[in-house]
Amino acid sequence: MKKRKITVGVTGLNNIDSPGPGIPVIRALKESELFDIRTIGLSYETLEPGLYMHDLVDKSYQIPNPSTGTSSLLQRLEYIHRQEKLDLIIPNFDAELHNFIKLAPQLKSDYNIATFLPTQKQFEARHKSVLYEFGEQNEVKVPFAKMIFSASEIYTLGEEITYPLVVKGKYYDASVAATPEQAVNYFHKISAKWGLPIIIQEFISGNEVNVTAIGDGKGNCVGAVPMRKLYITDKGKAWAGVALEDDKLIDIAKKVISNSKWRGGCELEFIKTKEGEYYLLEMNPRFPAWVYLAVGCGQNHPEALVRLALGEDVNPYESYEVGKMFIRYSFDQIVNMSEFEKISTFGEL
């Protein structure tokens, strides 16, 4: 069968100790059985390793930081589209999704660039600050949480949340505090990096299990693969993990996606207590950095997203291979200084 040629822009090329999902997504796209995909890397920093992985990324462009808003992003995407004729863009960072969601209708109508993203309402409904309410609406247990804007509020929590508790940033980072003093310290550390508000969450003891999944926006879960972390870095990132056989966890993930009519890729992070109860800690609105494990287990979620974005009907995956592991590694990539100078000076490589 002849593969259809398409061009896909992908963000999240920072394949470092806290990796972005971009390179795993690109690896999955390159292994598509249906598409011959030319990948266009969209980067924010000149030292994102994916820029220089020419076996995976066919060409790269810098794009403006999310904080600059939609106008500058659209202007840059117009230029990139003139050069590359983009068929689709897959954003992979939480912080950039607001801009891409806002631009999605115009990208489609004016340039015929497809996306497959959650709606603004879906995106906001699963924010950490309102996750407890999201859990109630979607019939899944969620630890109690409270949003705060000042470190002084930590001392007024009273009996709402007892110690230990979790201090979380609005986008990334989470630390467990055993005392108010520790909580204040984490508040300042995390807010300095990610801004306000800070979320104070009830601590649930147990084992962390995650699910990478994709919804079609109509209530159907197209694919879901659960994973347990085997090795965790000091930043809390999985450096190794194994696919699990867990029908109950899959059923919960499917219920969340069905009830919310989730559109696009996502990662569901759970704590499994010793009693066997599952608590949803986070719902990340994009593929996780370990999404390539799903490909290894027989479910190519990024390929399914491409098909959905292009308007195709996609039958849900019915199974996956249990016991497959992923193990991350690092290596020294040798790059010519001229390439770094080119992306730094001209914004493309």
C-alpha atoms as a PDB file:
ATOM      1  CA  MET A   1       0.000   0.000   0.000  1.00  0.00           C
ATOM      2  CA  LYS A   2       1.360   3.372  -1.028  1.00  0.00           C
ATOM      3  CA  LYS A   3       1.797   5.749   1.878  1.00  0.00           C
ATOM      4  CA  ARG A   4       0.240   9.209   1.803  1.00  0.00           C
ATOM      5  CA  LYS A   5       2.814  12.018   2.021  1.00  0.00           C
ATOM      6  CA  ILE A   6       2.093  14.723   4.598  1.00  0.00           C
ATOM      7  CA  THR A   7       4.050  17.412   6.454  1.00  0.00           C
ATOM      8  CA  VAL A   8       3.617  17.727  10.221  1.00  0.00           C
ATOM      9  CA  GLY A   9       4.927  20.444  12.551  1.00  0.00           C
ATOM     10  CA  VAL A  10       5.839  19.197  16.032  1.00  0.00           C
ATOM     11  CA  THR A  11       6.823  21.137  19.168  1.00  0.00           C
ATOM     12  CA  GLY A  12       8.496  19.859  22.356  1.00  0.00           C
ATOM     13  CA  LEU A  13      11.995  19.070  21.078  1.00  0.00           C
ATOM     14  CA  ASN A  14      13.761  19.469  24.450  1.00  0.00           C
ATOM     15  CA  ASN A  15      14.848  15.841  24.791  1.00  0.00           C
ATOM     16  CA  ILE A  16      16.736  16.408  28.063  1.00  0.00           C
ATOM     17  CA  ASP A  17      16.504  15.037  31.641  1.00  0.00           C
ATOM     18  CA  SER A  18      12.954  16.417  31.814  1.00  0.00           C
ATOM     19  CA  PRO A  19      12.080  15.581  28.209  1.00  0.00           C
ATOM     20  CA  GLY A  20       9.335  16.994  26.058  1.00  0.00           C
ATOM     21  CA  PRO A  21       7.047  14.676  24.103  1.00  0.00           C
ATOM     22  CA  GLY A  22       8.142  16.000  20.677  1.00  0.00           C
ATOM     23  CA  ILE A  23      10.868  13.488  19.806  1.00  0.00           C
ATOM     24  CA  PRO A  24       8.851  10.423  20.943  1.00  0.00           C
ATOM     25  CA  VAL A  25       5.884  11.726  18.931  1.00  0.00           C
ATOM     26  CA  ILE A  26       8.125  12.154  15.870  1.00  0.00           C
ATOM     27  CA  ARG A  27       9.554   8.645  16.295  1.00  0.00           C
ATOM     28  CA  ALA A  28       6.006   7.311  16.316  1.00  0.00           C
ATOM     29  CA  LEU A  29       5.088   9.318  13.208  1.00  0.00           C
ATOM     30  CA  LYS A  30       8.154   8.090  11.337  1.00  0.00           C
ATOM     31  CA  GLU A  31       7.014   4.509  12.001  1.00  0.00           C
ATOM     32  CA  SER A  32       3.519   5.103  10.614  1.00  0.00           C
ATOM     33  CA  GLU A  33       2.267   2.333   8.341  1.00  0.00           C
ATOM     34  CA  LEU A  34      -0.140   4.711   6.593  1.00  0.00           C
ATOM     35  CA  PHE A  35       1.748   7.983   6.113  1.00  0.00           C
ATOM     36  CA  ASP A  36       5.112   9.092   4.758  1.00  0.00           C
ATOM     37  CA  ILE A  37       5.639  12.009   7.132  1.00  0.00           C
ATOM     38  CA  ARG A  38       8.017  14.931   6.729  1.00  0.00           C
ATOM     39  CA  THR A  39       8.521  16.384  10.203  1.00  0.00           C
ATOM     40  CA  ILE A  40       9.056  20.073  10.886  1.00  0.00           C
ATOM     41  CA  GLY A  41      10.474  20.817  14.323  1.00  0.00           C
ATOM     42  CA  LEU A  42       9.086  23.912  16.064  1.00  0.00           C
ATOM     43  CA  SER A  43      11.407  25.036  18.860  1.00  0.00           C
ATOM     44  CA  TYR A  44      11.563  27.718  21.521  1.00  0.00           C
ATOM     45  CA  GLU A  45      15.256  27.407  22.453  1.00  0.00           C
ATOM     46  CA  THR A  46      18.368  27.046  20.294  1.00  0.00           C
ATOM     47  CA  LEU A  47      19.743  24.221  22.443  1.00  0.00           C
ATOM     48  CA  GLU A  48      16.766  21.897  22.175  1.00  0.00           C
ATOM     49  CA  PRO A  49      18.457  18.628  21.150  1.00  0.00           C
ATOM     50  CA  GLY A  50      15.725  17.693  18.691  1.00  0.00           C
ATOM     51  CA  LEU A  51      16.807  20.558  16.433  1.00  0.00           C
ATOM     52  CA  TYR A  52      19.952  18.643  15.599  1.00  0.00           C
ATOM     53  CA  MET A  53      18.469  15.139  15.228  1.00  0.00           C
ATOM     54  CA  HIS A  54      18.377  15.228  11.453  1.00  0.00           C
ATOM     55  CA  ASP A  55      17.442  11.554  11.138  1.00  0.00           C
ATOM     56  CA  LEU A  56      14.128  12.390  12.830  1.00  0.00           C
ATOM     57  CA  VAL A  57      13.537  16.106  12.256  1.00  0.00           C
ATOM     58  CA  ASP A  58      13.639  17.053   8.574  1.00  0.00           C
ATOM     59  CA  LYS A  59      13.757  20.812   9.141  1.00  0.00           C
ATOM     60  CA  SER A  60      13.417  23.094  12.159  1.00  0.00           C
ATOM     61  CA  TYR A  61      12.166  26.592  12.877  1.00  0.00           C
ATOM     62  CA  GLN A  62      12.098  28.703  15.996  1.00  0.00           C
ATOM     63  CA  ILE A  63       8.719  30.005  17.094  1.00  0.00           C
ATOM     64  CA  PRO A  64       7.967  32.777  19.620  1.00  0.00           C
ATOM     65  CA  ASN A  65       7.479  31.917  23.294  1.00  0.00           C
ATOM     66  CA  PRO A  66       3.858  31.351  24.350  1.00  0.00           C
ATOM     67  CA  SER A  67       3.894  34.494  26.484  1.00  0.00           C
ATOM     68  CA  THR A  68       4.081  36.665  23.351  1.00  0.00           C
ATOM     69  CA  GLY A  69       0.524  35.700  22.412  1.00  0.00           C
ATOM     70  CA  THR A  70      -1.265  34.481  19.312  1.00  0.00           C
ATOM     71  CA  SER A  71      -0.473  37.286  16.861  1.00  0.00           C
ATOM     72  CA  SER A  72       3.279  36.708  16.791  1.00  0.00           C
ATOM     73  CA  LEU A  73       2.745  32.932  16.700  1.00  0.00           C
ATOM     74  CA  LEU A  74       0.367  33.181  13.740  1.00  0.00           C
ATOM     75  CA  GLN A  75       2.753  35.463  11.871  1.00  0.00           C
ATOM     76  CA  ARG A  76       5.589  32.969  12.343  1.00  0.00           C
ATOM     77  CA  LEU A  77       3.424  29.993  11.367  1.00  0.00           C
ATOM     78  CA  GLU A  78       2.359  31.827   8.190  1.00  0.00           C
ATOM     79  CA  TYR A  79       6.023  32.131   7.195  1.00  0.00           C
ATOM     80  CA  ILE A  80       6.756  28.459   8.012  1.00  0.00           C
ATOM     81  CA  HIS A  81       3.674  27.346   6.082  1.00  0.00           C
ATOM     82  CA  ARG A  82       4.809  29.267   2.992  1.00  0.00           C
ATOM     83  CA  GLN A  83       8.101  27.363   3.107  1.00  0.00           C
ATOM     84  CA  GLU A  84       6.843  23.906   4.087  1.00  0.00           C
ATOM     85  CA  LYS A  85       3.112  23.612   3.218  1.00  0.00           C
ATOM     86  CA  LEU A  86       2.130  22.210   6.621  1.00  0.00           C
ATOM     87  CA  ASP A  87      -0.735  19.726   6.720  1.00  0.00           C
ATOM     88  CA  LEU A  88      -0.903  19.419  10.499  1.00  0.00           C
ATOM     89  CA  ILE A  89       0.608  20.774  13.739  1.00  0.00           C
ATOM     90  CA  ILE A  90       0.949  18.730  16.940  1.00  0.00           C
ATOM     91  CA  PRO A  91       1.724  20.970  19.968  1.00  0.00           C
ATOM     92  CA  ASN A  92       3.219  19.105  22.945  1.00  0.00           C
ATOM     93  CA  PHE A  93       3.554  21.638  25.783  1.00  0.00           C
ATOM     94  CA  ASP A  94       0.819  22.593  28.254  1.00  0.00           C
ATOM     95  CA  ALA A  95       1.858  26.252  28.260  1.00  0.00           C
ATOM     96  CA  GLU A  96       1.495  26.663  24.484  1.00  0.00           C
ATOM     97  CA  LEU A  97      -1.844  24.922  24.066  1.00  0.00           C
ATOM     98  CA  HIS A  98      -3.983  27.963  24.851  1.00  0.00           C
ATOM     99  CA  ASN A  99      -2.508  29.812  21.867  1.00  0.00           C
ATOM    100  CA  PHE A 100      -2.838  26.863  19.514  1.00  0.00           C
ATOM    101  CA  ILE A 101      -6.415  26.131  20.614  1.00  0.00           C
ATOM    102  CA  LYS A 102      -7.320  29.753  19.978  1.00  0.00           C
ATOM    103  CA  LEU A 103      -5.677  29.739  16.536  1.00  0.00           C
ATOM    104  CA  ALA A 104      -6.908  26.299  15.444  1.00  0.00           C
ATOM    105  CA  PRO A 105     -10.060  27.476  13.567  1.00  0.00           C
ATOM    106  CA  GLN A 106      -8.106  30.143  11.666  1.00  0.00           C
ATOM    107  CA  LEU A 107      -5.248  27.765  10.847  1.00  0.00           C
ATOM    108  CA  LYS A 108      -7.794  25.414   9.297  1.00  0.00           C
ATOM    109  CA  SER A 109      -9.936  27.985   7.462  1.00  0.00           C
ATOM    110  CA  ASP A 110      -7.159  30.230   6.136  1.00  0.00           C
ATOM    111  CA  TYR A 111      -4.282  27.796   5.591  1.00  0.00           C
ATOM    112  CA  ASN A 112      -5.837  24.311   5.686  1.00  0.00           C
ATOM    113  CA  ILE A 113      -3.521  23.369   8.577  1.00  0.00           C
ATOM    114  CA  ALA A 114      -5.204  20.747  10.719  1.00  0.00           C
ATOM    115  CA  THR A 115      -4.922  20.273  14.471  1.00  0.00           C
ATOM    116  CA  PHE A 116      -6.636  17.885  16.860  1.00  0.00           C
ATOM    117  CA  LEU A 117      -6.800  19.601  20.221  1.00  0.00           C
ATOM    118  CA  PRO A 118      -9.155  19.761  23.196  1.00  0.00           C
ATOM    119  CA  THR A 119     -11.657  22.579  23.210  1.00  0.00           C
ATOM    120  CA  GLN A 120     -10.933  25.586  25.402  1.00  0.00           C
ATOM    121  CA  LYS A 121     -13.622  24.388  27.816  1.00  0.00           C
ATOM    122  CA  GLN A 122     -12.068  20.912  28.033  1.00  0.00           C
ATOM    123  CA  PHE A 123      -8.596  22.381  28.467  1.00  0.00           C
ATOM    124  CA  GLU A 124      -9.685  24.598  31.362  1.00  0.00           C
ATOM    125  CA  ALA A 125     -11.874  21.950  33.034  1.00  0.00           C
ATOM    126  CA  ARG A 126      -8.902  19.651  33.783  1.00  0.00           C
ATOM    127  CA  HIS A 127      -6.574  22.348  35.191  1.00  0.00           C
ATOM    128  CA  LYS A 128      -4.893  21.349  38.429  1.00  0.00           C
ATOM    129  CA  SER A 129      -6.678  24.182  40.214  1.00  0.00           C
ATOM    130  CA  VAL A 130     -10.121  22.727  39.403  1.00  0.00           C
ATOM    131  CA  LEU A 131      -9.239  19.041  39.115  1.00  0.00           C
ATOM    132  CA  TYR A 132     -11.264  18.141  42.213  1.00  0.00           C
ATOM    133  CA  GLU A 133     -14.420  19.484  40.539  1.00  0.00           C
ATOM    134  CA  PHE A 134     -13.397  17.728  37.306  1.00  0.00           C
ATOM    135  CA  GLY A 135     -13.246  14.442  39.211  1.00  0.00           C
ATOM    136  CA  GLU A 136     -16.727  14.937  40.630  1.00  0.00           C
ATOM    137  CA  GLN A 137     -18.125  15.696  37.176  1.00  0.00           C
ATOM    138  CA  ASN A 138     -16.435  12.675  35.586  1.00  0.00           C
ATOM    139  CA  GLU A 139     -16.993  10.140  38.375  1.00  0.00           C
ATOM    140  CA  VAL A 140     -13.352   9.617  39.307  1.00  0.00           C
ATOM    141  CA  LYS A 141     -11.698  10.068  42.702  1.00  0.00           C
ATOM    142  CA  VAL A 142      -9.382  13.076  43.014  1.00  0.00           C
ATOM    143  CA  PRO A 143      -7.416  14.231  46.087  1.00  0.00           C
ATOM    144  CA  PHE A 144      -8.835  17.407  47.632  1.00  0.00           C
ATOM    145  CA  ALA A 145      -6.960  20.501  46.440  1.00  0.00           C
ATOM    146  CA  LYS A 146      -6.973  24.232  47.032  1.00  0.00           C
ATOM    147  CA  MET A 147      -5.584  27.061  44.920  1.00  0.00           C
ATOM    148  CA  ILE A 148      -3.569  29.757  46.717  1.00  0.00           C
ATOM    149  CA  PHE A 149      -1.932  32.999  45.620  1.00  0.00           C
ATOM    150  CA  SER A 150       0.131  33.884  48.705  1.00  0.00           C
ATOM    151  CA  ALA A 151       2.528  31.919  50.909  1.00  0.00           C
ATOM    152  CA  SER A 152       0.735  33.291  53.965  1.00  0.00           C
ATOM    153  CA  GLU A 153      -2.334  31.238  53.021  1.00  0.00           C
ATOM    154  CA  ILE A 154      -0.390  28.080  53.870  1.00  0.00           C
ATOM    155  CA  TYR A 155      -0.668  28.932  57.568  1.00  0.00           C
ATOM    156  CA  THR A 156      -4.455  29.295  57.304  1.00  0.00           C
ATOM    157  CA  LEU A 157      -5.181  25.894  55.725  1.00  0.00           C
ATOM    158  CA  GLY A 158      -6.407  24.645  59.096  1.00  0.00           C
ATOM    159  CA  GLU A 159      -8.015  21.242  58.904  1.00  0.00           C
ATOM    160  CA  GLU A 160      -8.788  21.442  55.162  1.00  0.00           C
ATOM    161  CA  ILE A 161      -5.591  19.604  54.258  1.00  0.00           C
ATOM    162  CA  THR A 162      -3.285  17.903  56.755  1.00  0.00           C
ATOM    163  CA  TYR A 163       0.448  17.249  56.468  1.00  0.00           C
ATOM    164  CA  PRO A 164       2.144  15.848  54.505  1.00  0.00           C
ATOM    165  CA  LEU A 165       0.667  17.706  51.535  1.00  0.00           C
ATOM    166  CA  VAL A 166       1.685  18.344  47.939  1.00  0.00           C
ATOM    167  CA  VAL A 167       2.703  21.773  46.603  1.00  0.00           C
ATOM    168  CA  LYS A 168       2.186  21.949  42.827  1.00  0.00           C
ATOM    169  CA  GLY A 169       2.850  24.468  40.070  1.00  0.00           C
ATOM    170  CA  LYS A 170       0.096  25.429  37.648  1.00  0.00           C
ATOM    171  CA  TYR A 171       1.939  23.785  34.744  1.00  0.00           C
ATOM    172  CA  TYR A 172       4.740  21.617  36.128  1.00  0.00           C
ATOM    173  CA  ASP A 173       6.613  20.636  39.322  1.00  0.00           C
ATOM    174  CA  ALA A 174       5.329  19.123  42.524  1.00  0.00           C
ATOM    175  CA  SER A 175       6.939  18.596  45.939  1.00  0.00           C
ATOM    176  CA  VAL A 176       5.742  16.876  49.095  1.00  0.00           C
ATOM    177  CA  ALA A 177       5.946  19.094  52.204  1.00  0.00           C
ATOM    178  CA  ALA A 178       5.934  17.661  55.729  1.00  0.00           C
ATOM    179  CA  THR A 179       5.710  21.034  57.506  1.00  0.00           C
ATOM    180  CA  PRO A 180       4.353  24.536  56.825  1.00  0.00           C
ATOM    181  CA  GLU A 181       7.929  25.803  56.555  1.00  0.00           C
ATOM    182  CA  GLN A 182       8.698  23.304  53.811  1.00  0.00           C
ATOM    183  CA  ALA A 183       5.460  24.204  52.051  1.00  0.00           C
ATOM    184  CA  VAL A 184       6.373  27.908  52.074  1.00  0.00           C
ATOM    185  CA  ASN A 185       9.806  27.105  50.677  1.00  0.00           C
ATOM    186  CA  TYR A 186       8.295  25.043  47.836  1.00  0.00           C
ATOM    187  CA  PHE A 187       5.691  27.758  47.218  1.00  0.00           C
ATOM    188  CA  HIS A 188       8.397  30.340  46.503  1.00  0.00           C
ATOM    189  CA  LYS A 189      10.549  27.941  44.511  1.00  0.00           C
ATOM    190  CA  ILE A 190       7.766  26.730  42.222  1.00  0.00           C
ATOM    191  CA  SER A 191       5.996  30.092  41.822  1.00  0.00           C
ATOM    192  CA  ALA A 192       9.288  31.748  40.839  1.00  0.00           C
ATOM    193  CA  LYS A 193       9.509  29.300  37.941  1.00  0.00           C
ATOM    194  CA  TRP A 194       5.898  28.874  36.837  1.00  0.00           C
ATOM    195  CA  GLY A 195       4.021  31.790  38.387  1.00  0.00           C
ATOM    196  CA  LEU A 196       0.775  31.815  40.361  1.00  0.00           C
ATOM    197  CA  PRO A 197      -1.472  30.251  41.446  1.00  0.00           C
ATOM    198  CA  ILE A 198       0.043  27.405  43.440  1.00  0.00           C
ATOM    199  CA  ILE A 199      -2.054  24.317  44.149  1.00  0.00           C
ATOM    200  CA  ILE A 200      -2.029  22.699  47.586  1.00  0.00           C
ATOM    201  CA  GLN A 201      -3.191  19.099  47.262  1.00  0.00           C
ATOM    202  CA  GLU A 202      -4.026  16.320  49.692  1.00  0.00           C
ATOM    203  CA  PHE A 203      -1.253  13.706  49.816  1.00  0.00           C
ATOM    204  CA  ILE A 204      -2.372  10.189  48.897  1.00  0.00           C
ATOM    205  CA  SER A 205       0.000   7.346  49.717  1.00  0.00           C
ATOM    206  CA  GLY A 206       0.460   4.623  47.117  1.00  0.00           C
ATOM    207  CA  ASN A 207       2.087   3.714  43.816  1.00  0.00           C
ATOM    208  CA  GLU A 208       1.983   6.047  40.827  1.00  0.00           C
ATOM    209  CA  VAL A 209       0.550   4.620  37.614  1.00  0.00           C
ATOM    210  CA  ASN A 210       0.039   6.594  34.412  1.00  0.00           C
ATOM    211  CA  VAL A 211      -2.010   6.151  31.256  1.00  0.00           C
ATOM    212  CA  THR A 212      -1.300   7.574  27.812  1.00  0.00           C
ATOM    213  CA  ALA A 213      -4.563   7.843  25.892  1.00  0.00           C
ATOM    214  CA  ILE A 214      -6.328   9.509  22.995  1.00  0.00           C
ATOM    215  CA  GLY A 215      -9.974  10.521  22.616  1.00  0.00           C
ATOM    216  CA  ASP A 216     -11.870  11.231  19.405  1.00  0.00           C
ATOM    217  CA  GLY A 217     -13.906  14.128  20.823  1.00  0.00           C
ATOM    218  CA  LYS A 218     -17.130  12.127  20.594  1.00  0.00           C
ATOM    219  CA  GLY A 219     -16.723  10.141  23.801  1.00  0.00           C
ATOM    220  CA  ASN A 220     -14.690   7.268  22.349  1.00  0.00           C
ATOM    221  CA  CYS A 221     -11.300   6.270  23.730  1.00  0.00           C
ATOM    222  CA  VAL A 222      -9.278   5.388  20.626  1.00  0.00           C
ATOM    223  CA  GLY A 223      -6.353   3.983  22.603  1.00  0.00           C
ATOM    224  CA  ALA A 224      -5.024   3.641  26.144  1.00  0.00           C
ATOM    225  CA  VAL A 225      -1.871   2.072  27.567  1.00  0.00           C
ATOM    226  CA  PRO A 226      -1.081   2.081  31.324  1.00  0.00           C
ATOM    227  CA  MET A 227       2.441   2.262  32.728  1.00  0.00           C
ATOM    228  CA  ARG A 228       4.153   1.971  36.101  1.00  0.00           C
ATOM    229  CA  LYS A 229       7.365   3.899  36.681  1.00  0.00           C
ATOM    230  CA  LEU A 230      10.375   1.702  37.450  1.00  0.00           C
ATOM    231  CA  TYR A 231      12.977   4.447  37.801  1.00  0.00           C
ATOM    232  CA  ILE A 232      12.273   8.072  38.685  1.00  0.00           C
ATOM    233  CA  THR A 233      14.682  11.015  38.373  1.00  0.00           C
ATOM    234  CA  ASP A 234      15.111  13.709  41.009  1.00  0.00           C
ATOM    235  CA  LYS A 235      12.628  15.777  38.981  1.00  0.00           C
ATOM    236  CA  GLY A 236      10.006  13.058  39.319  1.00  0.00           C
ATOM    237  CA  LYS A 237      10.249  12.008  35.677  1.00  0.00           C
ATOM    238  CA  ALA A 238      10.073   8.378  34.611  1.00  0.00           C
ATOM    239  CA  TRP A 239      13.417   7.154  33.279  1.00  0.00           C
ATOM    240  CA  ALA A 240      12.118   3.609  32.948  1.00  0.00           C
ATOM    241  CA  GLY A 241       8.643   2.109  33.019  1.00  0.00           C
ATOM    242  CA  VAL A 242       6.675  -1.007  32.170  1.00  0.00           C
ATOM    243  CA  ALA A 243       3.295  -1.490  30.495  1.00  0.00           C
ATOM    244  CA  LEU A 244       0.737  -2.937  32.898  1.00  0.00           C
ATOM    245  CA  GLU A 245      -2.185  -5.286  32.601  1.00  0.00           C
ATOM    246  CA  ASP A 246      -4.838  -3.410  34.573  1.00  0.00           C
ATOM    247  CA  ASP A 247      -8.401  -3.596  33.306  1.00  0.00           C
ATOM    248  CA  LYS A 248      -9.740  -1.455  36.158  1.00  0.00           C
ATOM    249  CA  LEU A 249      -7.321   1.368  35.352  1.00  0.00           C
ATOM    250  CA  ILE A 250      -8.175   1.175  31.650  1.00  0.00           C
ATOM    251  CA  ASP A 251     -11.894   1.304  32.489  1.00  0.00           C
ATOM    252  CA  ILE A 252     -11.365   4.430  34.632  1.00  0.00           C
ATOM    253  CA  ALA A 253      -9.355   6.106  31.859  1.00  0.00           C
ATOM    254  CA  LYS A 254     -12.042   5.277  29.301  1.00  0.00           C
ATOM    255  CA  LYS A 255     -14.729   6.665  31.617  1.00  0.00           C
ATOM    256  CA  VAL A 256     -12.863   9.961  32.028  1.00  0.00           C
ATOM    257  CA  ILE A 257     -12.416  10.326  28.273  1.00  0.00           C
ATOM    258  CA  SER A 258     -15.999   9.276  27.549  1.00  0.00           C
ATOM    259  CA  ASN A 259     -17.602  11.568  30.134  1.00  0.00           C
ATOM    260  CA  SER A 260     -15.484  14.577  29.176  1.00  0.00           C
ATOM    261  CA  LYS A 261     -15.626  13.796  25.424  1.00  0.00           C
ATOM    262  CA  TRP A 262     -11.886  14.451  25.407  1.00  0.00           C
ATOM    263  CA  ARG A 263     -10.430  15.469  22.060  1.00  0.00           C
ATOM    264  CA  GLY A 264      -6.786  14.613  21.377  1.00  0.00           C
ATOM    265  CA  GLY A 265      -3.950  12.985  23.261  1.00  0.00           C
ATOM    266  CA  CYS A 266      -3.604  13.076  27.029  1.00  0.00           C
ATOM    267  CA  GLU A 267      -1.826  11.587  30.023  1.00  0.00           C
ATOM    268  CA  LEU A 268      -3.727  10.536  33.137  1.00  0.00           C
ATOM    269  CA  GLU A 269      -1.645  10.325  36.316  1.00  0.00           C
ATOM    270  CA  PHE A 270      -3.028   8.187  39.152  1.00  0.00           C
ATOM    271  CA  ILE A 271      -2.080   7.014  42.612  1.00  0.00           C
ATOM    272  CA  LYS A 272      -3.081   3.441  43.414  1.00  0.00           C
ATOM    273  CA  THR A 273      -3.515   2.972  47.160  1.00  0.00           C
ATOM    274  CA  LYS A 274      -2.714  -0.249  48.996  1.00  0.00           C
ATOM    275  CA  GLU A 275      -6.487  -0.808  49.187  1.00  0.00           C
ATOM    276  CA  GLY A 276      -6.611  -0.813  45.370  1.00  0.00           C
ATOM    277  CA  GLU A 277      -8.339   2.555  44.981  1.00  0.00           C
ATOM    278  CA  TYR A 278      -7.315   4.930  42.179  1.00  0.00           C
ATOM    279  CA  TYR A 279      -7.000   8.697  42.623  1.00  0.00           C
ATOM    280  CA  LEU A 280      -6.480  10.966  39.617  1.00  0.00           C
ATOM    281  CA  LEU A 281      -3.601  13.359  40.331  1.00  0.00           C
ATOM    282  CA  GLU A 282      -3.375  15.130  36.969  1.00  0.00           C
ATOM    283  CA  MET A 283      -4.760  15.077  33.467  1.00  0.00           C
ATOM    284  CA  ASN A 284      -2.151  16.459  31.121  1.00  0.00           C
ATOM    285  CA  PRO A 285      -3.732  17.763  27.893  1.00  0.00           C
ATOM    286  CA  ARG A 286      -1.156  16.294  25.491  1.00  0.00           C
ATOM    287  CA  PHE A 287       0.861  13.154  24.908  1.00  0.00           C
ATOM    288  CA  PRO A 288       3.414  12.280  27.630  1.00  0.00           C
ATOM    289  CA  ALA A 289       7.141  12.019  26.943  1.00  0.00           C
ATOM    290  CA  TRP A 290       6.829   8.222  27.288  1.00  0.00           C
ATOM    291  CA  VAL A 291       4.163   7.915  24.548  1.00  0.00           C
ATOM    292  CA  TYR A 292       6.553   5.841  22.425  1.00  0.00           C
ATOM    293  CA  LEU A 293       5.974   2.955  24.854  1.00  0.00           C
ATOM    294  CA  ALA A 294       2.430   2.749  23.458  1.00  0.00           C
ATOM    295  CA  VAL A 295       3.911   2.296  19.982  1.00  0.00           C
ATOM    296  CA  GLY A 296       6.107  -0.509  21.309  1.00  0.00           C
ATOM    297  CA  CYS A 297       2.995  -2.119  22.769  1.00  0.00           C
ATOM    298  CA  GLY A 298       1.129  -2.004  19.467  1.00  0.00           C
ATOM    299  CA  GLN A 299      -0.819   1.280  19.716  1.00  0.00           C
ATOM    300  CA  ASN A 300       0.519   4.185  17.655  1.00  0.00           C
ATOM    301  CA  HIS A 301      -1.335   7.066  19.305  1.00  0.00           C
ATOM    302  CA  PRO A 302       0.365   9.887  17.329  1.00  0.00           C
ATOM    303  CA  GLU A 303      -0.560   8.140  14.054  1.00  0.00           C
ATOM    304  CA  ALA A 304      -4.156   7.853  15.276  1.00  0.00           C
ATOM    305  CA  LEU A 305      -4.152  11.578  16.098  1.00  0.00           C
ATOM    306  CA  VAL A 306      -2.999  12.386  12.560  1.00  0.00           C
ATOM    307  CA  ARG A 307      -5.859  10.334  11.130  1.00  0.00           C
ATOM    308  CA  LEU A 308      -8.398  12.021  13.395  1.00  0.00           C
ATOM    309  CA  ALA A 309      -7.037  15.485  12.538  1.00  0.00           C
ATOM    310  CA  LEU A 310      -7.417  14.708   8.831  1.00  0.00           C
ATOM    311  CA  GLY A 311     -11.053  13.750   9.351  1.00  0.00           C
ATOM    312  CA  GLU A 312     -10.716   9.980   9.114  1.00  0.00           C
ATOM    313  CA  ASP A 313     -12.759   7.514  11.153  1.00  0.00           C
ATOM    314  CA  VAL A 314     -10.473   5.609  13.509  1.00  0.00           C
ATOM    315  CA  ASN A 315     -11.455   2.335  15.136  1.00  0.00           C
ATOM    316  CA  PRO A 316     -10.319   2.051  18.777  1.00  0.00           C
ATOM    317  CA  TYR A 317      -7.374  -0.197  19.540  1.00  0.00           C
ATOM    318  CA  GLU A 318      -8.666  -3.344  21.198  1.00  0.00           C
ATOM    319  CA  SER A 319      -5.481  -4.596  22.863  1.00  0.00           C
ATOM    320  CA  TYR A 320      -1.844  -3.858  23.665  1.00  0.00           C
ATOM    321  CA  GLU A 321       1.181  -5.960  24.564  1.00  0.00           C
ATOM    322  CA  VAL A 322       1.783  -6.179  28.315  1.00  0.00           C
ATOM    323  CA  GLY A 323       5.250  -6.333  29.860  1.00  0.00           C
ATOM    324  CA  LYS A 324       7.017  -4.098  27.350  1.00  0.00           C
ATOM    325  CA  MET A 325       9.427  -1.657  29.011  1.00  0.00           C
ATOM    326  CA  PHE A 326      10.982   1.636  28.068  1.00  0.00           C
ATOM    327  CA  ILE A 327      14.396   2.670  29.367  1.00  0.00           C
ATOM    328  CA  ARG A 328      15.653   6.166  28.579  1.00  0.00           C
ATOM    329  CA  TYR A 329      19.288   6.893  27.882  1.00  0.00           C
ATOM    330  CA  SER A 330      21.415   9.948  27.199  1.00  0.00           C
ATOM    331  CA  PHE A 331      24.244  10.365  24.716  1.00  0.00           C
ATOM    332  CA  ASP A 332      26.521  13.130  23.523  1.00  0.00           C
ATOM    333  CA  GLN A 333      25.265  14.417  20.218  1.00  0.00           C
ATOM    334  CA  ILE A 334      28.020  16.048  18.168  1.00  0.00           C
ATOM    335  CA  VAL A 335      26.843  19.171  16.357  1.00  0.00           C
ATOM    336  CA  ASN A 336      28.672  21.607  14.129  1.00  0.00           C
ATOM    337  CA  MET A 337      28.898  25.092  15.607  1.00  0.00           C
ATOM    338  CA  SER A 338      27.697  26.413  12.256  1.00  0.00           C
ATOM    339  CA  GLU A 339      24.315  24.735  12.818  1.00  0.00           C
ATOM    340  CA  PHE A 340      23.909  26.362  16.220  1.00  0.00           C
ATOM    341  CA  GLU A 341      24.847  29.723  14.698  1.00  0.00           C
ATOM    342  CA  LYS A 342      22.326  29.236  11.891  1.00  0.00           C
ATOM    343  CA  ILE A 343      19.359  28.495  14.157  1.00  0.00           C
ATOM    344  CA  SER A 344      20.426  31.289  16.525  1.00  0.00           C
ATOM    345  CA  THR A 345      20.809  33.857  13.728  1.00  0.00           C
ATOM    346  CA  PHE A 346      18.162  32.937  11.177  1.00  0.00           C
ATOM    347  CA  GLY A 347      15.676  30.987  13.323  1.00  0.00           C
ATOM    348  CA  GLU A 348      15.654  27.938  11.065  1.00  0.00           C
ATOM    349  CA  LEU A 349      17.808  24.932  10.388  1.00  0.00           C
END
